[in-house]
Each structure stands twice: as structure tokens, then as C-alpha cells.
All heavy atoms as atom14 arrays in JSON, in Angstrom:
{
  "sequence": "VAVVLERAFYRHIYGRPELEQVLATVGLAFLMIASVNLALGSSLLA",
  "atom14_mask": [
    [1, 1, 1, 1, 1, 1, 1, 0, 0, 0, 0, 0, 0, 0],
    [1, 1, 1, 1, 1, 0, 0, 0, 0, 0, 0, 0, 0, 0],
    [1, 1, 1, 1, 1, 1, 1, 0, 0, 0, 0, 0, 0, 0],
    [1, 1, 1, 1, 1, 1, 1, 0, 0, 0, 0, 0, 0, 0],
    [1, 1, 1, 1, 1, 1, 1, 1, 0, 0, 0, 0, 0, 0],
    [1, 1, 1, 1, 1, 1, 1, 1, 1, 0, 0, 0, 0, 0],
    [1, 1, 1, 1, 1, 1, 1, 1, 1, 1, 1, 0, 0, 0],
    [1, 1, 1, 1, 1, 0, 0, 0, 0, 0, 0, 0, 0, 0],
    [1, 1, 1, 1, 1, 1, 1, 1, 1, 1, 1, 0, 0, 0],
    [1, 1, 1, 1, 1, 1, 1, 1, 1, 1, 1, 1, 0, 0],
    [1, 1, 1, 1, 1, 1, 1, 1, 1, 1, 1, 0, 0, 0],
    [1, 1, 1, 1, 1, 1, 1, 1, 1, 1, 0, 0, 0, 0],
    [1, 1, 1, 1, 1, 1, 1, 1, 0, 0, 0, 0, 0, 0],
    [1, 1, 1, 1, 1, 1, 1, 1, 1, 1, 1, 1, 0, 0],
    [1, 1, 1, 1, 0, 0, 0, 0, 0, 0, 0, 0, 0, 0],
    [1, 1, 1, 1, 1, 1, 1, 1, 1, 1, 1, 0, 0, 0],
    [1, 1, 1, 1, 1, 1, 1, 0, 0, 0, 0, 0, 0, 0],
    [1, 1, 1, 1, 1, 1, 1, 1, 1, 0, 0, 0, 0, 0],
    [1, 1, 1, 1, 1, 1, 1, 1, 0, 0, 0, 0, 0, 0],
    [1, 1, 1, 1, 1, 1, 1, 1, 1, 0, 0, 0, 0, 0],
    [1, 1, 1, 1, 1, 1, 1, 1, 1, 0, 0, 0, 0, 0],
    [1, 1, 1, 1, 1, 1, 1, 0, 0, 0, 0, 0, 0, 0],
    [1, 1, 1, 1, 1, 1, 1, 1, 0, 0, 0, 0, 0, 0],
    [1, 1, 1, 1, 1, 0, 0, 0, 0, 0, 0, 0, 0, 0],
    [1, 1, 1, 1, 1, 1, 1, 0, 0, 0, 0, 0, 0, 0],
    [1, 1, 1, 1, 1, 1, 1, 0, 0, 0, 0, 0, 0, 0],
    [1, 1, 1, 1, 0, 0, 0, 0, 0, 0, 0, 0, 0, 0],
    [1, 1, 1, 1, 1, 1, 1, 1, 0, 0, 0, 0, 0, 0],
    [1, 1, 1, 1, 1, 0, 0, 0, 0, 0, 0, 0, 0, 0],
    [1, 1, 1, 1, 1, 1, 1, 1, 1, 1, 1, 0, 0, 0],
    [1, 1, 1, 1, 1, 1, 1, 1, 0, 0, 0, 0, 0, 0],
    [1, 1, 1, 1, 1, 1, 1, 1, 0, 0, 0, 0, 0, 0],
    [1, 1, 1, 1, 1, 1, 1, 1, 0, 0, 0, 0, 0, 0],
    [1, 1, 1, 1, 1, 0, 0, 0, 0, 0, 0, 0, 0, 0],
    [1, 1, 1, 1, 1, 1, 0, 0, 0, 0, 0, 0, 0, 0],
    [1, 1, 1, 1, 1, 1, 1, 0, 0, 0, 0, 0, 0, 0],
    [1, 1, 1, 1, 1, 1, 1, 1, 0, 0, 0, 0, 0, 0],
    [1, 1, 1, 1, 1, 1, 1, 1, 0, 0, 0, 0, 0, 0],
    [1, 1, 1, 1, 1, 0, 0, 0, 0, 0, 0, 0, 0, 0],
    [1, 1, 1, 1, 1, 1, 1, 1, 0, 0, 0, 0, 0, 0],
    [1, 1, 1, 1, 0, 0, 0, 0, 0, 0, 0, 0, 0, 0],
    [1, 1, 1, 1, 1, 1, 0, 0, 0, 0, 0, 0, 0, 0],
    [1, 1, 1, 1, 1, 1, 0, 0, 0, 0, 0, 0, 0, 0],
    [1, 1, 1, 1, 1, 1, 1, 1, 0, 0, 0, 0, 0, 0],
    [1, 1, 1, 1, 1, 1, 1, 1, 0, 0, 0, 0, 0, 0],
    [1, 1, 1, 1, 1, 0, 0, 0, 0, 0, 0, 0, 0, 0]
  ],
  "atom14_positions": [
    [[2.98, -1.96, -11.17], [2.09, -1.88, -10.0], [2.04, -0.45, -9.46], [0.98, 0.07, -9.1], [2.56, -2.86, -8.9], [1.78, -2.62, -7.6], [2.39, -4.3, -9.36], [0.0, 0.0, 0.0], [0.0, 0.0, 0.0], [0.0, 0.0, 0.0], [0.0, 0.0, 0.0], [0.0, 0.0, 0.0], [0.0, 0.0, 0.0], [0.0, 0.0, 0.0]],
    [[3.19, 0.22, -9.43], [3.26, 1.58, -8.91], [2.46, 2.55, -9.77], [1.79, 3.45, -9.25], [4.73, 2.04, -8.85], [0.0, 0.0, 0.0], [0.0, 0.0, 0.0], [0.0, 0.0, 0.0], [0.0, 0.0, 0.0], [0.0, 0.0, 0.0], [0.0, 0.0, 0.0], [0.0, 0.0, 0.0], [0.0, 0.0, 0.0], [0.0, 0.0, 0.0]],
    [[2.52, 2.38, -11.09], [1.75, 3.25, -11.98], [0.26, 3.1, -11.72], [-0.49, 4.08, -11.64], [2.09, 2.94, -13.45], [1.11, 3.66, -14.38], [3.51, 3.35, -13.78], [0.0, 0.0, 0.0], [0.0, 0.0, 0.0], [0.0, 0.0, 0.0], [0.0, 0.0, 0.0], [0.0, 0.0, 0.0], [0.0, 0.0, 0.0], [0.0, 0.0, 0.0]],
    [[-0.19, 1.85, -11.57], [-1.61, 1.6, -11.29], [-2.01, 2.2, -9.95], [-3.05, 2.88, -9.83], [-1.9, 0.09, -11.32], [-3.33, -0.19, -10.86], [-1.69, -0.47, -12.72], [0.0, 0.0, 0.0], [0.0, 0.0, 0.0], [0.0, 0.0, 0.0], [0.0, 0.0, 0.0], [0.0, 0.0, 0.0], [0.0, 0.0, 0.0], [0.0, 0.0, 0.0]],
    [[-1.18, 1.98, -8.92], [-1.51, 2.5, -7.59], [-1.47, 4.03, -7.57], [-2.29, 4.66, -6.88], [-0.53, 1.94, -6.56], [-0.73, 0.48, -6.16], [0.37, 0.04, -5.2], [-2.09, 0.28, -5.51], [0.0, 0.0, 0.0], [0.0, 0.0, 0.0], [0.0, 0.0, 0.0], [0.0, 0.0, 0.0], [0.0, 0.0, 0.0], [0.0, 0.0, 0.0]],
    [[-0.54, 4.62, -8.31], [-0.46, 6.08, -8.33], [-1.73, 6.68, -8.92], [-2.26, 7.68, -8.4], [0.76, 6.51, -9.14], [1.17, 7.96, -8.95], [0.37, 8.93, -9.82], [-0.16, 8.5, -10.86], [0.28, 10.13, -9.45], [0.0, 0.0, 0.0], [0.0, 0.0, 0.0], [0.0, 0.0, 0.0], [0.0, 0.0, 0.0], [0.0, 0.0, 0.0]],
    [[-2.23, 6.07, -9.98], [-3.44, 6.6, -10.63], [-4.7, 6.28, -9.83], [-5.63, 7.09, -9.76], [-3.56, 6.04, -12.04], [-2.51, 6.6, -13.0], [-2.74, 6.14, -14.41], [-1.79, 6.79, -15.33], [-1.97, 7.97, -15.88], [-3.08, 8.64, -15.61], [-1.07, 8.49, -16.69], [0.0, 0.0, 0.0], [0.0, 0.0, 0.0], [0.0, 0.0, 0.0]],
    [[-4.75, 5.1, -9.23], [-5.97, 4.67, -8.55], [-6.03, 5.1, -7.08], [-7.13, 5.23, -6.52], [-6.1, 3.15, -8.64], [0.0, 0.0, 0.0], [0.0, 0.0, 0.0], [0.0, 0.0, 0.0], [0.0, 0.0, 0.0], [0.0, 0.0, 0.0], [0.0, 0.0, 0.0], [0.0, 0.0, 0.0], [0.0, 0.0, 0.0], [0.0, 0.0, 0.0]],
    [[-4.86, 5.33, -6.47], [-4.83, 5.56, -5.02], [-4.1, 6.84, -4.65], [-4.7, 7.76, -4.08], [-4.19, 4.35, -4.33], [-4.0, 4.5, -2.85], [-5.08, 4.39, -1.99], [-2.75, 4.77, -2.32], [-4.91, 4.54, -0.62], [-2.57, 4.92, -0.96], [-3.66, 4.81, -0.1], [0.0, 0.0, 0.0], [0.0, 0.0, 0.0], [0.0, 0.0, 0.0]],
    [[-2.81, 6.91, -4.98], [-2.0, 8.03, -4.49], [-2.47, 9.38, -5.03], [-2.38, 10.4, -4.33], [-0.53, 7.81, -4.85], [0.15, 6.79, -3.98], [0.26, 5.47, -4.39], [0.67, 7.13, -2.74], [0.87, 4.52, -3.59], [1.28, 6.2, -1.93], [1.38, 4.89, -2.36], [1.97, 3.95, -1.56], [0.0, 0.0, 0.0], [0.0, 0.0, 0.0]],
    [[-2.95, 9.41, -6.25], [-3.37, 10.67, -6.84], [-4.46, 11.34, -6.0], [-4.58, 12.57, -6.0], [-3.86, 10.42, -8.26], [-4.22, 11.69, -9.02], [-4.28, 11.43, -10.51], [-2.99, 11.03, -11.04], [-2.71, 10.93, -12.33], [-3.64, 11.21, -13.22], [-1.52, 10.54, -12.73], [0.0, 0.0, 0.0], [0.0, 0.0, 0.0], [0.0, 0.0, 0.0]],
    [[-5.22, 10.56, -5.27], [-6.33, 11.1, -4.49], [-5.89, 11.62, -3.12], [-6.71, 12.23, -2.41], [-7.41, 10.03, -4.31], [-7.98, 9.53, -5.6], [-8.79, 10.28, -6.42], [-7.81, 8.34, -6.24], [-9.12, 9.59, -7.49], [-8.55, 8.4, -7.41], [0.0, 0.0, 0.0], [0.0, 0.0, 0.0], [0.0, 0.0, 0.0], [0.0, 0.0, 0.0]],
    [[-4.63, 11.37, -2.74], [-4.18, 11.87, -1.44], [-3.14, 12.97, -1.59], [-2.63, 13.47, -0.59], [-3.63, 10.74, -0.54], [-2.39, 10.1, -1.16], [-4.7, 9.69, -0.29], [-1.72, 9.09, -0.23], [0.0, 0.0, 0.0], [0.0, 0.0, 0.0], [0.0, 0.0, 0.0], [0.0, 0.0, 0.0], [0.0, 0.0, 0.0], [0.0, 0.0, 0.0]],
    [[-2.78, 13.34, -2.83], [-1.89, 14.48, -3.01], [-2.53, 15.73, -2.41], [-3.69, 16.04, -2.67], [-1.62, 14.75, -4.49], [-0.79, 13.69, -5.2], [-0.91, 13.49, -6.57], [0.11, 12.91, -4.5], [-0.15, 12.54, -7.23], [0.87, 11.95, -5.14], [0.74, 11.77, -6.51], [1.49, 10.81, -7.14], [0.0, 0.0, 0.0], [0.0, 0.0, 0.0]],
    [[-1.77, 16.44, -1.61], [-2.27, 17.67, -1.02], [-3.19, 17.49, 0.17], [-3.65, 18.47, 0.75], [0.0, 0.0, 0.0], [0.0, 0.0, 0.0], [0.0, 0.0, 0.0], [0.0, 0.0, 0.0], [0.0, 0.0, 0.0], [0.0, 0.0, 0.0], [0.0, 0.0, 0.0], [0.0, 0.0, 0.0], [0.0, 0.0, 0.0], [0.0, 0.0, 0.0]],
    [[-3.46, 16.26, 0.56], [-4.32, 16.01, 1.71], [-3.52, 16.23, 3.01], [-2.28, 16.23, 2.99], [-4.86, 14.58, 1.68], [-5.62, 14.23, 0.42], [-6.93, 14.97, 0.32], [-7.85, 14.61, 1.39], [-9.05, 15.18, 1.56], [-9.44, 16.15, 0.74], [-9.83, 14.8, 2.54], [0.0, 0.0, 0.0], [0.0, 0.0, 0.0], [0.0, 0.0, 0.0]],
    [[-4.2, 16.4, 4.14], [-3.48, 16.56, 5.42], [-2.57, 15.36, 5.69], [-2.85, 14.23, 5.28], [-4.62, 16.64, 6.44], [-5.78, 17.17, 5.68], [-5.66, 16.58, 4.31], [0.0, 0.0, 0.0], [0.0, 0.0, 0.0], [0.0, 0.0, 0.0], [0.0, 0.0, 0.0], [0.0, 0.0, 0.0], [0.0, 0.0, 0.0], [0.0, 0.0, 0.0]],
    [[-1.47, 15.62, 6.41], [-0.46, 14.59, 6.64], [-1.03, 13.35, 7.33], [-0.67, 12.23, 6.99], [0.69, 15.15, 7.48], [1.6, 16.12, 6.75], [1.05, 17.53, 6.7], [-0.1, 17.75, 7.18], [1.74, 18.42, 6.17], [0.0, 0.0, 0.0], [0.0, 0.0, 0.0], [0.0, 0.0, 0.0], [0.0, 0.0, 0.0], [0.0, 0.0, 0.0]],
    [[-1.93, 13.56, 8.3], [-2.48, 12.42, 9.02], [-3.27, 11.5, 8.08], [-3.18, 10.27, 8.19], [-3.37, 12.89, 10.17], [-4.01, 11.77, 11.01], [-2.94, 10.89, 11.64], [-4.91, 12.38, 12.1], [0.0, 0.0, 0.0], [0.0, 0.0, 0.0], [0.0, 0.0, 0.0], [0.0, 0.0, 0.0], [0.0, 0.0, 0.0], [0.0, 0.0, 0.0]],
    [[-4.0, 12.07, 7.16], [-4.76, 11.27, 6.2], [-3.81, 10.47, 5.3], [-4.07, 9.3, 4.98], [-5.66, 12.16, 5.35], [-6.78, 12.81, 6.14], [-7.71, 13.63, 5.26], [-7.69, 13.43, 4.02], [-8.46, 14.46, 5.8], [0.0, 0.0, 0.0], [0.0, 0.0, 0.0], [0.0, 0.0, 0.0], [0.0, 0.0, 0.0], [0.0, 0.0, 0.0]],
    [[-2.7, 11.09, 4.9], [-1.72, 10.38, 4.08], [-1.09, 9.23, 4.85], [-0.9, 8.13, 4.31], [-0.64, 11.36, 3.6], [-1.13, 12.42, 2.64], [-0.03, 13.34, 2.2], [1.1, 13.3, 2.72], [-0.32, 14.2, 1.25], [0.0, 0.0, 0.0], [0.0, 0.0, 0.0], [0.0, 0.0, 0.0], [0.0, 0.0, 0.0], [0.0, 0.0, 0.0]],
    [[-0.77, 9.48, 6.11], [-0.16, 8.43, 6.94], [-1.1, 7.25, 7.09], [-0.72, 6.09, 6.87], [0.22, 9.0, 8.32], [0.57, 7.88, 9.29], [1.4, 9.96, 8.2], [0.0, 0.0, 0.0], [0.0, 0.0, 0.0], [0.0, 0.0, 0.0], [0.0, 0.0, 0.0], [0.0, 0.0, 0.0], [0.0, 0.0, 0.0], [0.0, 0.0, 0.0]],
    [[-2.34, 7.52, 7.45], [-3.3, 6.43, 7.66], [-3.57, 5.66, 6.36], [-3.63, 4.42, 6.36], [-4.61, 6.99, 8.22], [-4.54, 7.59, 9.63], [-5.88, 8.21, 10.02], [-4.12, 6.54, 10.64], [0.0, 0.0, 0.0], [0.0, 0.0, 0.0], [0.0, 0.0, 0.0], [0.0, 0.0, 0.0], [0.0, 0.0, 0.0], [0.0, 0.0, 0.0]],
    [[-3.69, 6.39, 5.26], [-3.98, 5.74, 3.98], [-2.82, 4.85, 3.54], [-3.02, 3.7, 3.1], [-4.28, 6.79, 2.91], [0.0, 0.0, 0.0], [0.0, 0.0, 0.0], [0.0, 0.0, 0.0], [0.0, 0.0, 0.0], [0.0, 0.0, 0.0], [0.0, 0.0, 0.0], [0.0, 0.0, 0.0], [0.0, 0.0, 0.0], [0.0, 0.0, 0.0]],
    [[-1.59, 5.34, 3.66], [-0.44, 4.57, 3.18], [-0.09, 3.42, 4.13], [0.4, 2.38, 3.69], [0.78, 5.48, 2.96], [1.07, 6.21, 4.16], [0.51, 6.47, 1.84], [0.0, 0.0, 0.0], [0.0, 0.0, 0.0], [0.0, 0.0, 0.0], [0.0, 0.0, 0.0], [0.0, 0.0, 0.0], [0.0, 0.0, 0.0], [0.0, 0.0, 0.0]],
    [[-0.33, 3.59, 5.42], [-0.14, 2.47, 6.35], [-1.13, 1.36, 6.01], [-0.78, 0.17, 6.01], [-0.3, 2.93, 7.81], [-0.45, 1.73, 8.73], [0.9, 3.76, 8.24], [0.0, 0.0, 0.0], [0.0, 0.0, 0.0], [0.0, 0.0, 0.0], [0.0, 0.0, 0.0], [0.0, 0.0, 0.0], [0.0, 0.0, 0.0], [0.0, 0.0, 0.0]],
    [[-2.37, 1.74, 5.72], [-3.34, 0.74, 5.31], [-2.91, 0.01, 4.04], [-3.06, -1.22, 3.93], [0.0, 0.0, 0.0], [0.0, 0.0, 0.0], [0.0, 0.0, 0.0], [0.0, 0.0, 0.0], [0.0, 0.0, 0.0], [0.0, 0.0, 0.0], [0.0, 0.0, 0.0], [0.0, 0.0, 0.0], [0.0, 0.0, 0.0], [0.0, 0.0, 0.0]],
    [[-2.36, 0.76, 3.08], [-1.88, 0.13, 1.85], [-0.73, -0.82, 2.14], [-0.63, -1.9, 1.54], [-1.44, 1.21, 0.87], [-0.9, 0.71, -0.47], [-1.94, -0.12, -1.21], [-0.44, 1.88, -1.34], [0.0, 0.0, 0.0], [0.0, 0.0, 0.0], [0.0, 0.0, 0.0], [0.0, 0.0, 0.0], [0.0, 0.0, 0.0], [0.0, 0.0, 0.0]],
    [[0.16, -0.44, 3.06], [1.28, -1.31, 3.43], [0.77, -2.64, 3.97], [1.3, -3.71, 3.63], [2.17, -0.62, 4.45], [0.0, 0.0, 0.0], [0.0, 0.0, 0.0], [0.0, 0.0, 0.0], [0.0, 0.0, 0.0], [0.0, 0.0, 0.0], [0.0, 0.0, 0.0], [0.0, 0.0, 0.0], [0.0, 0.0, 0.0], [0.0, 0.0, 0.0]],
    [[-0.26, -2.59, 4.81], [-0.81, -3.84, 5.35], [-1.47, -4.68, 4.25], [-1.43, -5.91, 4.3], [-1.81, -3.53, 6.46], [-1.17, -3.3, 7.8], [-1.08, -2.02, 8.34], [-0.65, -4.36, 8.52], [-0.48, -1.81, 9.56], [-0.05, -4.16, 9.76], [0.04, -2.87, 10.28], [0.0, 0.0, 0.0], [0.0, 0.0, 0.0], [0.0, 0.0, 0.0]],
    [[-2.07, -4.03, 3.26], [-2.63, -4.77, 2.13], [-1.53, -5.47, 1.34], [-1.7, -6.62, 0.9], [-3.41, -3.82, 1.22], [-4.79, -3.37, 1.72], [-5.39, -2.35, 0.76], [-5.72, -4.57, 1.87], [0.0, 0.0, 0.0], [0.0, 0.0, 0.0], [0.0, 0.0, 0.0], [0.0, 0.0, 0.0], [0.0, 0.0, 0.0], [0.0, 0.0, 0.0]],
    [[-0.41, -4.79, 1.14], [0.72, -5.41, 0.45], [1.23, -6.62, 1.22], [1.51, -7.68, 0.67], [1.85, -4.38, 0.26], [1.54, -3.26, -0.7], [2.91, -2.06, -0.75], [2.4, -1.0, -2.1], [0.0, 0.0, 0.0], [0.0, 0.0, 0.0], [0.0, 0.0, 0.0], [0.0, 0.0, 0.0], [0.0, 0.0, 0.0], [0.0, 0.0, 0.0]],
    [[1.37, -6.44, 2.53], [1.86, -7.53, 3.38], [0.91, -8.73, 3.32], [1.33, -9.88, 3.15], [2.0, -7.04, 4.84], [3.15, -6.04, 4.94], [2.24, -8.21, 5.79], [3.2, -5.32, 6.28], [0.0, 0.0, 0.0], [0.0, 0.0, 0.0], [0.0, 0.0, 0.0], [0.0, 0.0, 0.0], [0.0, 0.0, 0.0], [0.0, 0.0, 0.0]],
    [[-0.39, -8.45, 3.44], [-1.37, -9.52, 3.42], [-1.38, -10.24, 2.07], [-1.52, -11.47, 2.02], [-2.76, -8.96, 3.73], [0.0, 0.0, 0.0], [0.0, 0.0, 0.0], [0.0, 0.0, 0.0], [0.0, 0.0, 0.0], [0.0, 0.0, 0.0], [0.0, 0.0, 0.0], [0.0, 0.0, 0.0], [0.0, 0.0, 0.0], [0.0, 0.0, 0.0]],
    [[-1.2, -9.49, 0.98], [-1.22, -10.11, -0.35], [-0.04, -11.06, -0.53], [-0.2, -12.19, -1.02], [-1.19, -9.02, -1.42], [-2.32, -8.17, -1.33], [0.0, 0.0, 0.0], [0.0, 0.0, 0.0], [0.0, 0.0, 0.0], [0.0, 0.0, 0.0], [0.0, 0.0, 0.0], [0.0, 0.0, 0.0], [0.0, 0.0, 0.0], [0.0, 0.0, 0.0]],
    [[1.16, -10.6, -0.14], [2.34, -11.45, -0.27], [2.25, -12.64, 0.68], [2.61, -13.77, 0.33], [3.63, -10.64, -0.02], [4.85, -11.55, 0.02], [3.8, -9.58, -1.1], [0.0, 0.0, 0.0], [0.0, 0.0, 0.0], [0.0, 0.0, 0.0], [0.0, 0.0, 0.0], [0.0, 0.0, 0.0], [0.0, 0.0, 0.0], [0.0, 0.0, 0.0]],
    [[1.75, -12.39, 1.88], [1.61, -13.47, 2.86], [0.65, -14.54, 2.36], [0.89, -15.75, 2.54], [1.11, -12.88, 4.19], [1.32, -13.82, 5.36], [2.1, -14.76, 5.27], [0.63, -13.56, 6.46], [0.0, 0.0, 0.0], [0.0, 0.0, 0.0], [0.0, 0.0, 0.0], [0.0, 0.0, 0.0], [0.0, 0.0, 0.0], [0.0, 0.0, 0.0]],
    [[-0.44, -14.11, 1.73], [-1.42, -15.06, 1.2], [-0.85, -15.86, 0.03], [-1.07, -17.07, -0.08], [-2.68, -14.31, 0.76], [-3.8, -15.15, 0.14], [-4.35, -16.15, 1.15], [-4.91, -14.25, -0.39], [0.0, 0.0, 0.0], [0.0, 0.0, 0.0], [0.0, 0.0, 0.0], [0.0, 0.0, 0.0], [0.0, 0.0, 0.0], [0.0, 0.0, 0.0]],
    [[-0.1, -15.17, -0.84], [0.4, -15.82, -2.05], [1.64, -16.67, -1.81], [1.77, -17.76, -2.38], [0.7, -14.76, -3.11], [0.0, 0.0, 0.0], [0.0, 0.0, 0.0], [0.0, 0.0, 0.0], [0.0, 0.0, 0.0], [0.0, 0.0, 0.0], [0.0, 0.0, 0.0], [0.0, 0.0, 0.0], [0.0, 0.0, 0.0], [0.0, 0.0, 0.0]],
    [[2.55, -16.19, -0.96], [3.84, -16.86, -0.81], [4.16, -17.28, 0.61], [5.22, -17.89, 0.85], [4.95, -15.93, -1.32], [4.85, -15.51, -2.79], [5.91, -14.48, -3.13], [4.97, -16.72, -3.71], [0.0, 0.0, 0.0], [0.0, 0.0, 0.0], [0.0, 0.0, 0.0], [0.0, 0.0, 0.0], [0.0, 0.0, 0.0], [0.0, 0.0, 0.0]],
    [[3.33, -16.96, 1.57], [3.6, -17.32, 2.94], [4.46, -16.27, 3.64], [4.88, -15.28, 3.05], [0.0, 0.0, 0.0], [0.0, 0.0, 0.0], [0.0, 0.0, 0.0], [0.0, 0.0, 0.0], [0.0, 0.0, 0.0], [0.0, 0.0, 0.0], [0.0, 0.0, 0.0], [0.0, 0.0, 0.0], [0.0, 0.0, 0.0], [0.0, 0.0, 0.0]],
    [[4.73, -16.51, 4.92], [5.47, -15.54, 5.73], [6.95, -15.89, 5.89], [7.67, -15.2, 6.61], [4.83, -15.43, 7.11], [4.81, -16.69, 7.76], [0.0, 0.0, 0.0], [0.0, 0.0, 0.0], [0.0, 0.0, 0.0], [0.0, 0.0, 0.0], [0.0, 0.0, 0.0], [0.0, 0.0, 0.0], [0.0, 0.0, 0.0], [0.0, 0.0, 0.0]],
    [[7.4, -16.96, 5.26], [8.81, -17.34, 5.37], [9.67, -16.48, 4.45], [9.17, -15.75, 3.59], [8.99, -18.81, 5.01], [8.54, -19.05, 3.69], [0.0, 0.0, 0.0], [0.0, 0.0, 0.0], [0.0, 0.0, 0.0], [0.0, 0.0, 0.0], [0.0, 0.0, 0.0], [0.0, 0.0, 0.0], [0.0, 0.0, 0.0], [0.0, 0.0, 0.0]],
    [[10.99, -16.55, 4.65], [11.91, -15.78, 3.82], [11.81, -16.22, 2.37], [11.71, -17.41, 2.07], [13.35, -15.95, 4.32], [13.68, -15.42, 5.72], [15.14, -15.66, 6.03], [13.34, -13.95, 5.84], [0.0, 0.0, 0.0], [0.0, 0.0, 0.0], [0.0, 0.0, 0.0], [0.0, 0.0, 0.0], [0.0, 0.0, 0.0], [0.0, 0.0, 0.0]],
    [[11.85, -15.24, 1.45], [11.79, -15.53, 0.02], [13.22, -15.55, -0.53], [13.88, -14.52, -0.57], [10.95, -14.46, -0.7], [9.51, -14.32, -0.19], [8.78, -13.24, -0.98], [8.77, -15.64, -0.27], [0.0, 0.0, 0.0], [0.0, 0.0, 0.0], [0.0, 0.0, 0.0], [0.0, 0.0, 0.0], [0.0, 0.0, 0.0], [0.0, 0.0, 0.0]],
    [[13.66, -16.72, -0.91], [15.05, -16.88, -1.35], [15.31, -16.15, -2.66], [14.52, -16.21, -3.59], [15.37, -18.37, -1.53], [0.0, 0.0, 0.0], [0.0, 0.0, 0.0], [0.0, 0.0, 0.0], [0.0, 0.0, 0.0], [0.0, 0.0, 0.0], [0.0, 0.0, 0.0], [0.0, 0.0, 0.0], [0.0, 0.0, 0.0], [0.0, 0.0, 0.0]]
  ]
}
């Protein structure tokens, strides 16, 4: 997953201003959260 994201997403923010990197990666974090929440729910994963 990291290899795909690095090529499709992170590579485009290398060298960008810090604020743009923060906003982009926070958005990605919420996408990750939403994906896991949709697939497995919000309860603890044993």
C-alpha cells in the first residue's frame, strides 16, 4: 500500500510548502480512517 501511495500521492508533495504537506497528509489520514471504519467498524480490532 505504501509503495502505491508513494508513487500516486506522496511523490507529488515532495518539496512542496509545509502547510500543503500537512493538509494533504491529514486528508489522507482521514481517508485511511474512513476506509477501515467502513470495512471493519470502529470497535477494537483483536
